[in-house]
Amino acid sequence: MGWHVRYIDQALKHELLSQEWATEEEALEDAWNLAQQDGIEITAIEGPDEETVPMEDVQAWFDHRIKKEAGPS
């Protein structure tokens, strides 16, 4: 079993599960891409053996990604 992103699509008013990813990093990247869409809310990133990434860690990863894309100040 691999990694999945759980998210809510506000347009569908339904929680969905992403495709399976081999690594946590791939799941975080997928979560980032999903979060860039209007009406998408990430609710969890889940891995093998019921492992989950705390939402604080997901937000920290997102914040780092934003800084990385912004480039040097």
PDB file of N, CA and C in Angstrom:
ATOM      1  N   MET A   1       0.842  -1.181   0.000  1.00  0.00           N
ATOM      2  CA  MET A   1       0.000   0.000   0.000  1.00  0.00           C
ATOM      3  C   MET A   1       0.885   1.242   0.000  1.00  0.00           C
ATOM      4  N   GLY A   2       0.446   2.252  -0.721  1.00  0.00           N
ATOM      5  CA  GLY A   2       1.224   3.475  -0.842  1.00  0.00           C
ATOM      6  C   GLY A   2       0.575   4.639  -0.118  1.00  0.00           C
ATOM      7  N   TRP A   3       0.853   5.816  -0.623  1.00  0.00           N
ATOM      8  CA  TRP A   3       0.385   7.068  -0.040  1.00  0.00           C
ATOM      9  C   TRP A   3      -0.801   7.613  -0.818  1.00  0.00           C
ATOM     10  N   HIS A   4      -1.750   8.218  -0.105  1.00  0.00           N
ATOM     11  CA  HIS A   4      -2.935   8.834  -0.710  1.00  0.00           C
ATOM     12  C   HIS A   4      -3.185  10.203  -0.103  1.00  0.00           C
ATOM     13  N   VAL A   5      -3.841  11.059  -0.879  1.00  0.00           N
ATOM     14  CA  VAL A   5      -4.288  12.360  -0.398  1.00  0.00           C
ATOM     15  C   VAL A   5      -5.803  12.302  -0.272  1.00  0.00           C
ATOM     16  N   ARG A   6      -6.318  12.655   0.889  1.00  0.00           N
ATOM     17  CA  ARG A   6      -7.763  12.806   1.076  1.00  0.00           C
ATOM     18  C   ARG A   6      -8.079  14.289   0.952  1.00  0.00           C
ATOM     19  N   TYR A   7      -9.135  14.580   0.208  1.00  0.00           N
ATOM     20  CA  TYR A   7      -9.501  15.983   0.020  1.00  0.00           C
ATOM     21  C   TYR A   7     -10.994  16.108  -0.218  1.00  0.00           C
ATOM     22  N   ILE A   8     -11.496  17.301   0.061  1.00  0.00           N
ATOM     23  CA  ILE A   8     -12.905  17.601  -0.161  1.00  0.00           C
ATOM     24  C   ILE A   8     -13.005  18.482  -1.395  1.00  0.00           C
ATOM     25  N   ASP A   9     -13.862  18.071  -2.299  1.00  0.00           N
ATOM     26  CA  ASP A   9     -14.180  18.885  -3.468  1.00  0.00           C
ATOM     27  C   ASP A   9     -15.497  19.590  -3.153  1.00  0.00           C
ATOM     28  N   GLN A  10     -15.419  20.900  -2.908  1.00  0.00           N
ATOM     29  CA  GLN A  10     -16.604  21.667  -2.506  1.00  0.00           C
ATOM     30  C   GLN A  10     -17.697  21.639  -3.575  1.00  0.00           C
ATOM     31  N   ALA A  11     -17.319  21.590  -4.857  1.00  0.00           N
ATOM     32  CA  ALA A  11     -18.303  21.556  -5.937  1.00  0.00           C
ATOM     33  C   ALA A  11     -19.121  20.261  -5.883  1.00  0.00           C
ATOM     34  N   LEU A  12     -18.438  19.169  -5.570  1.00  0.00           N
ATOM     35  CA  LEU A  12     -19.123  17.864  -5.479  1.00  0.00           C
ATOM     36  C   LEU A  12     -19.705  17.620  -4.093  1.00  0.00           C
ATOM     37  N   LYS A  13     -19.243  18.436  -3.113  1.00  0.00           N
ATOM     38  CA  LYS A  13     -19.637  18.259  -1.712  1.00  0.00           C
ATOM     39  C   LYS A  13     -19.362  16.822  -1.257  1.00  0.00           C
ATOM     40  N   HIS A  14     -18.142  16.389  -1.574  1.00  0.00           N
ATOM     41  CA  HIS A  14     -17.794  15.001  -1.299  1.00  0.00           C
ATOM     42  C   HIS A  14     -16.301  14.883  -1.013  1.00  0.00           C
ATOM     43  N   GLU A  15     -15.934  13.978  -0.098  1.00  0.00           N
ATOM     44  CA  GLU A  15     -14.525  13.702   0.146  1.00  0.00           C
ATOM     45  C   GLU A  15     -14.045  12.668  -0.870  1.00  0.00           C
ATOM     46  N   LEU A  16     -12.862  12.910  -1.406  1.00  0.00           N
ATOM     47  CA  LEU A  16     -12.290  12.029  -2.416  1.00  0.00           C
ATOM     48  C   LEU A  16     -10.913  11.540  -1.982  1.00  0.00           C
ATOM     49  N   LEU A  17     -10.456  10.501  -2.637  1.00  0.00           N
ATOM     50  CA  LEU A  17      -9.158   9.906  -2.363  1.00  0.00           C
ATOM     51  C   LEU A  17      -8.359   9.910  -3.663  1.00  0.00           C
ATOM     52  N   SER A  18      -7.128  10.421  -3.590  1.00  0.00           N
ATOM     53  CA  SER A  18      -6.276  10.489  -4.786  1.00  0.00           C
ATOM     54  C   SER A  18      -5.836   9.096  -5.207  1.00  0.00           C
ATOM     55  N   GLN A  19      -5.144   9.069  -6.321  1.00  0.00           N
ATOM     56  CA  GLN A  19      -4.497   7.829  -6.732  1.00  0.00           C
ATOM     57  C   GLN A  19      -3.421   7.483  -5.707  1.00  0.00           C
ATOM     58  N   GLU A  20      -2.902   6.286  -5.799  1.00  0.00           N
ATOM     59  CA  GLU A  20      -1.848   5.854  -4.879  1.00  0.00           C
ATOM     60  C   GLU A  20      -0.497   6.362  -5.369  1.00  0.00           C
ATOM     61  N   TRP A  21       0.306   6.884  -4.428  1.00  0.00           N
ATOM     62  CA  TRP A  21       1.648   7.366  -4.713  1.00  0.00           C
ATOM     63  C   TRP A  21       2.651   6.479  -3.989  1.00  0.00           C
ATOM     64  N   ALA A  22       3.829   6.320  -4.568  1.00  0.00           N
ATOM     65  CA  ALA A  22       4.847   5.445  -3.995  1.00  0.00           C
ATOM     66  C   ALA A  22       5.517   6.058  -2.768  1.00  0.00           C
ATOM     67  N   THR A  23       5.623   7.406  -2.743  1.00  0.00           N
ATOM     68  CA  THR A  23       6.342   8.050  -1.646  1.00  0.00           C
ATOM     69  C   THR A  23       5.508   9.165  -1.017  1.00  0.00           C
ATOM     70  N   GLU A  24       5.888   9.520   0.190  1.00  0.00           N
ATOM     71  CA  GLU A  24       5.250  10.638   0.885  1.00  0.00           C
ATOM     72  C   GLU A  24       5.459  11.934   0.101  1.00  0.00           C
ATOM     73  N   GLU A  25       6.638  12.114  -0.445  1.00  0.00           N
ATOM     74  CA  GLU A  25       6.952  13.328  -1.209  1.00  0.00           C
ATOM     75  C   GLU A  25       6.028  13.471  -2.420  1.00  0.00           C
ATOM     76  N   GLU A  26       5.770  12.374  -3.113  1.00  0.00           N
ATOM     77  CA  GLU A  26       4.850  12.417  -4.261  1.00  0.00           C
ATOM     78  C   GLU A  26       3.436  12.796  -3.803  1.00  0.00           C
ATOM     79  N   ALA A  27       3.021  12.271  -2.664  1.00  0.00           N
ATOM     80  CA  ALA A  27       1.692  12.599  -2.136  1.00  0.00           C
ATOM     81  C   ALA A  27       1.614  14.072  -1.743  1.00  0.00           C
ATOM     82  N   LEU A  28       2.677  14.593  -1.141  1.00  0.00           N
ATOM     83  CA  LEU A  28       2.714  16.018  -0.790  1.00  0.00           C
ATOM     84  C   LEU A  28       2.646  16.881  -2.048  1.00  0.00           C
ATOM     85  N   GLU A  29       3.352  16.490  -3.080  1.00  0.00           N
ATOM     86  CA  GLU A  29       3.319  17.224  -4.348  1.00  0.00           C
ATOM     87  C   GLU A  29       1.912  17.200  -4.938  1.00  0.00           C
ATOM     88  N   ASP A  30       1.259  16.042  -4.889  1.00  0.00           N
ATOM     89  CA  ASP A  30      -0.110  15.929  -5.390  1.00  0.00           C
ATOM     90  C   ASP A  30      -1.050  16.802  -4.561  1.00  0.00           C
ATOM     91  N   ALA A  31      -0.869  16.786  -3.240  1.00  0.00           N
ATOM     92  CA  ALA A  31      -1.701  17.623  -2.370  1.00  0.00           C
ATOM     93  C   ALA A  31      -1.518  19.091  -2.724  1.00  0.00           C
ATOM     94  N   TRP A  32      -0.279  19.505  -2.975  1.00  0.00           N
ATOM     95  CA  TRP A  32       0.003  20.882  -3.368  1.00  0.00           C
ATOM     96  C   TRP A  32      -0.754  21.232  -4.651  1.00  0.00           C
ATOM     97  N   ASN A  33      -0.660  20.358  -5.651  1.00  0.00           N
ATOM     98  CA  ASN A  33      -1.334  20.615  -6.924  1.00  0.00           C
ATOM     99  C   ASN A  33      -2.847  20.681  -6.751  1.00  0.00           C
ATOM    100  N   LEU A  34      -3.387  19.791  -5.938  1.00  0.00           N
ATOM    101  CA  LEU A  34      -4.828  19.821  -5.679  1.00  0.00           C
ATOM    102  C   LEU A  34      -5.237  21.103  -4.959  1.00  0.00           C
ATOM    103  N   ALA A  35      -4.437  21.515  -3.983  1.00  0.00           N
ATOM    104  CA  ALA A  35      -4.764  22.694  -3.176  1.00  0.00           C
ATOM    105  C   ALA A  35      -4.756  23.975  -3.999  1.00  0.00           C
ATOM    106  N   GLN A  36      -4.115  23.956  -5.153  1.00  0.00           N
ATOM    107  CA  GLN A  36      -4.079  25.140  -6.011  1.00  0.00           C
ATOM    108  C   GLN A  36      -5.386  25.335  -6.771  1.00  0.00           C
ATOM    109  N   GLN A  37      -6.262  24.337  -6.737  1.00  0.00           N
ATOM    110  CA  GLN A  37      -7.546  24.419  -7.435  1.00  0.00           C
ATOM    111  C   GLN A  37      -8.608  25.022  -6.514  1.00  0.00           C
ATOM    112  N   ASP A  38      -9.468  25.856  -7.085  1.00  0.00           N
ATOM    113  CA  ASP A  38     -10.563  26.439  -6.309  1.00  0.00           C
ATOM    114  C   ASP A  38     -11.480  25.345  -5.784  1.00  0.00           C
ATOM    115  N   GLY A  39     -11.893  25.493  -4.536  1.00  0.00           N
ATOM    116  CA  GLY A  39     -12.870  24.581  -3.964  1.00  0.00           C
ATOM    117  C   GLY A  39     -12.319  23.254  -3.498  1.00  0.00           C
ATOM    118  N   ILE A  40     -10.989  23.126  -3.417  1.00  0.00           N
ATOM    119  CA  ILE A  40     -10.375  21.880  -2.944  1.00  0.00           C
ATOM    120  C   ILE A  40      -9.749  22.130  -1.579  1.00  0.00           C
ATOM    121  N   GLU A  41     -10.075  21.279  -0.626  1.00  0.00           N
ATOM    122  CA  GLU A  41      -9.507  21.374   0.721  1.00  0.00           C
ATOM    123  C   GLU A  41      -8.857  20.040   1.066  1.00  0.00           C
ATOM    124  N   ILE A  42      -7.567  20.069   1.357  1.00  0.00           N
ATOM    125  CA  ILE A  42      -6.842  18.856   1.740  1.00  0.00           C
ATOM    126  C   ILE A  42      -7.223  18.514   3.178  1.00  0.00           C
ATOM    127  N   THR A  43      -7.596  17.274   3.415  1.00  0.00           N
ATOM    128  CA  THR A  43      -7.987  16.858   4.768  1.00  0.00           C
ATOM    129  C   THR A  43      -6.983  15.902   5.400  1.00  0.00           C
ATOM    130  N   ALA A  44      -6.209  15.171   4.584  1.00  0.00           N
ATOM    131  CA  ALA A  44      -5.243  14.233   5.148  1.00  0.00           C
ATOM    132  C   ALA A  44      -4.322  13.702   4.060  1.00  0.00           C
ATOM    133  N   ILE A  45      -3.135  13.317   4.503  1.00  0.00           N
ATOM    134  CA  ILE A  45      -2.228  12.537   3.665  1.00  0.00           C
ATOM    135  C   ILE A  45      -1.938  11.276   4.459  1.00  0.00           C
ATOM    136  N   GLU A  46      -2.287  10.153   3.852  1.00  0.00           N
ATOM    137  CA  GLU A  46      -2.206   8.871   4.544  1.00  0.00           C
ATOM    138  C   GLU A  46      -1.233   7.952   3.832  1.00  0.00           C
ATOM    139  N   GLY A  47      -0.493   7.204   4.630  1.00  0.00           N
ATOM    140  CA  GLY A  47       0.485   6.291   4.074  1.00  0.00           C
ATOM    141  C   GLY A  47       0.239   4.862   4.511  1.00  0.00           C
ATOM    142  N   PRO A  48       1.218   4.025   4.243  1.00  0.00           N
ATOM    143  CA  PRO A  48       1.115   2.616   4.618  1.00  0.00           C
ATOM    144  C   PRO A  48       0.987   2.448   6.139  1.00  0.00           C
ATOM    145  N   ASP A  49       0.417   1.361   6.553  1.00  0.00           N
ATOM    146  CA  ASP A  49       0.287   1.011   7.964  1.00  0.00           C
ATOM    147  C   ASP A  49      -0.404   2.108   8.781  1.00  0.00           C
ATOM    148  N   GLU A  50      -1.418   2.741   8.167  1.00  0.00           N
ATOM    149  CA  GLU A  50      -2.213   3.783   8.828  1.00  0.00           C
ATOM    150  C   GLU A  50      -1.395   4.996   9.251  1.00  0.00           C
ATOM    151  N   GLU A  51      -0.245   5.180   8.631  1.00  0.00           N
ATOM    152  CA  GLU A  51       0.594   6.351   8.904  1.00  0.00           C
ATOM    153  C   GLU A  51      -0.073   7.583   8.299  1.00  0.00           C
ATOM    154  N   THR A  52      -0.050   8.703   9.028  1.00  0.00           N
ATOM    155  CA  THR A  52      -0.575   9.963   8.494  1.00  0.00           C
ATOM    156  C   THR A  52       0.452  11.069   8.691  1.00  0.00           C
ATOM    157  N   VAL A  53       0.402  12.034   7.798  1.00  0.00           N
ATOM    158  CA  VAL A  53       1.248  13.215   7.923  1.00  0.00           C
ATOM    159  C   VAL A  53       0.426  14.266   8.658  1.00  0.00           C
ATOM    160  N   PRO A  54       0.894  14.759   9.807  1.00  0.00           N
ATOM    161  CA  PRO A  54       0.135  15.793  10.526  1.00  0.00           C
ATOM    162  C   PRO A  54      -0.104  17.002   9.620  1.00  0.00           C
ATOM    163  N   MET A  55      -1.291  17.600   9.723  1.00  0.00           N
ATOM    164  CA  MET A  55      -1.619  18.742   8.872  1.00  0.00           C
ATOM    165  C   MET A  55      -0.658  19.909   9.100  1.00  0.00           C
ATOM    166  N   GLU A  56      -0.077  20.016  10.297  1.00  0.00           N
ATOM    167  CA  GLU A  56       0.923  21.069  10.540  1.00  0.00           C
ATOM    168  C   GLU A  56       2.144  20.849   9.643  1.00  0.00           C
ATOM    169  N   ASP A  57       2.522  19.590   9.455  1.00  0.00           N
ATOM    170  CA  ASP A  57       3.657  19.271   8.587  1.00  0.00           C
ATOM    171  C   ASP A  57       3.319  19.527   7.118  1.00  0.00           C
ATOM    172  N   VAL A  58       2.076  19.235   6.751  1.00  0.00           N
ATOM    173  CA  VAL A  58       1.636  19.510   5.379  1.00  0.00           C
ATOM    174  C   VAL A  58       1.696  21.017   5.127  1.00  0.00           C
ATOM    175  N   GLN A  59       1.183  21.813   6.069  1.00  0.00           N
ATOM    176  CA  GLN A  59       1.202  23.264   5.917  1.00  0.00           C
ATOM    177  C   GLN A  59       2.636  23.792   5.855  1.00  0.00           C
ATOM    178  N   ALA A  60       3.518  23.230   6.672  1.00  0.00           N
ATOM    179  CA  ALA A  60       4.928  23.637   6.640  1.00  0.00           C
ATOM    180  C   ALA A  60       5.546  23.311   5.272  1.00  0.00           C
ATOM    181  N   TRP A  61       5.199  22.162   4.716  1.00  0.00           N
ATOM    182  CA  TRP A  61       5.698  21.781   3.394  1.00  0.00           C
ATOM    183  C   TRP A  61       5.185  22.765   2.350  1.00  0.00           C
ATOM    184  N   PHE A  62       3.887  23.120   2.446  1.00  0.00           N
ATOM    185  CA  PHE A  62       3.297  24.094   1.522  1.00  0.00           C
ATOM    186  C   PHE A  62       4.012  25.443   1.646  1.00  0.00           C
ATOM    187  N   ASP A  63       4.237  25.902   2.884  1.00  0.00           N
ATOM    188  CA  ASP A  63       4.908  27.182   3.116  1.00  0.00           C
ATOM    189  C   ASP A  63       6.311  27.186   2.499  1.00  0.00           C
ATOM    190  N   HIS A  64       7.028  26.077   2.669  1.00  0.00           N
ATOM    191  CA  HIS A  64       8.367  25.949   2.082  1.00  0.00           C
ATOM    192  C   HIS A  64       8.278  26.007   0.557  1.00  0.00           C
ATOM    193  N   ARG A  65       7.271  25.371   0.009  1.00  0.00           N
ATOM    194  CA  ARG A  65       7.074  25.349  -1.453  1.00  0.00           C
ATOM    195  C   ARG A  65       6.802  26.757  -1.968  1.00  0.00           C
ATOM    196  N   ILE A  66       6.000  27.524  -1.250  1.00  0.00           N
ATOM    197  CA  ILE A  66       5.695  28.902  -1.648  1.00  0.00           C
ATOM    198  C   ILE A  66       6.970  29.736  -1.660  1.00  0.00           C
ATOM    199  N   LYS A  67       7.789  29.605  -0.606  1.00  0.00           N
ATOM    200  CA  LYS A  67       9.040  30.357  -0.524  1.00  0.00           C
ATOM    201  C   LYS A  67       9.992  29.948  -1.653  1.00  0.00           C
ATOM    202  N   LYS A  68      10.032  28.670  -1.955  1.00  0.00           N
ATOM    203  CA  LYS A  68      10.906  28.155  -2.999  1.00  0.00           C
ATOM    204  C   LYS A  68      10.492  28.714  -4.359  1.00  0.00           C
ATOM    205  N   GLU A  69       9.174  28.770  -4.617  1.00  0.00           N
ATOM    206  CA  GLU A  69       8.681  29.284  -5.892  1.00  0.00           C
ATOM    207  C   GLU A  69       8.885  30.795  -6.006  1.00  0.00           C
ATOM    208  N   ALA A  70       8.830  31.495  -4.868  1.00  0.00           N
ATOM    209  CA  ALA A  70       9.003  32.945  -4.869  1.00  0.00           C
ATOM    210  C   ALA A  70      10.448  33.320  -5.210  1.00  0.00           C
ATOM    211  N   GLY A  71      11.366  32.425  -4.908  1.00  0.00           N
ATOM    212  CA  GLY A  71      12.771  32.685  -5.205  1.00  0.00           C
ATOM    213  C   GLY A  71      13.401  33.614  -4.172  1.00  0.00           C
ATOM    214  N   PRO A  72      14.660  33.964  -4.393  1.00  0.00           N
ATOM    215  CA  PRO A  72      15.350  34.839  -3.438  1.00  0.00           C
ATOM    216  C   PRO A  72      14.706  36.223  -3.391  1.00  0.00           C
ATOM    217  N   SER A  73      14.654  36.794  -2.209  1.00  0.00           N
ATOM    218  CA  SER A  73      14.043  38.118  -2.035  1.00  0.00           C
ATOM    219  C   SER A  73      15.031  39.212  -2.343  1.00  0.00           C
TER     220      SER A  73
END
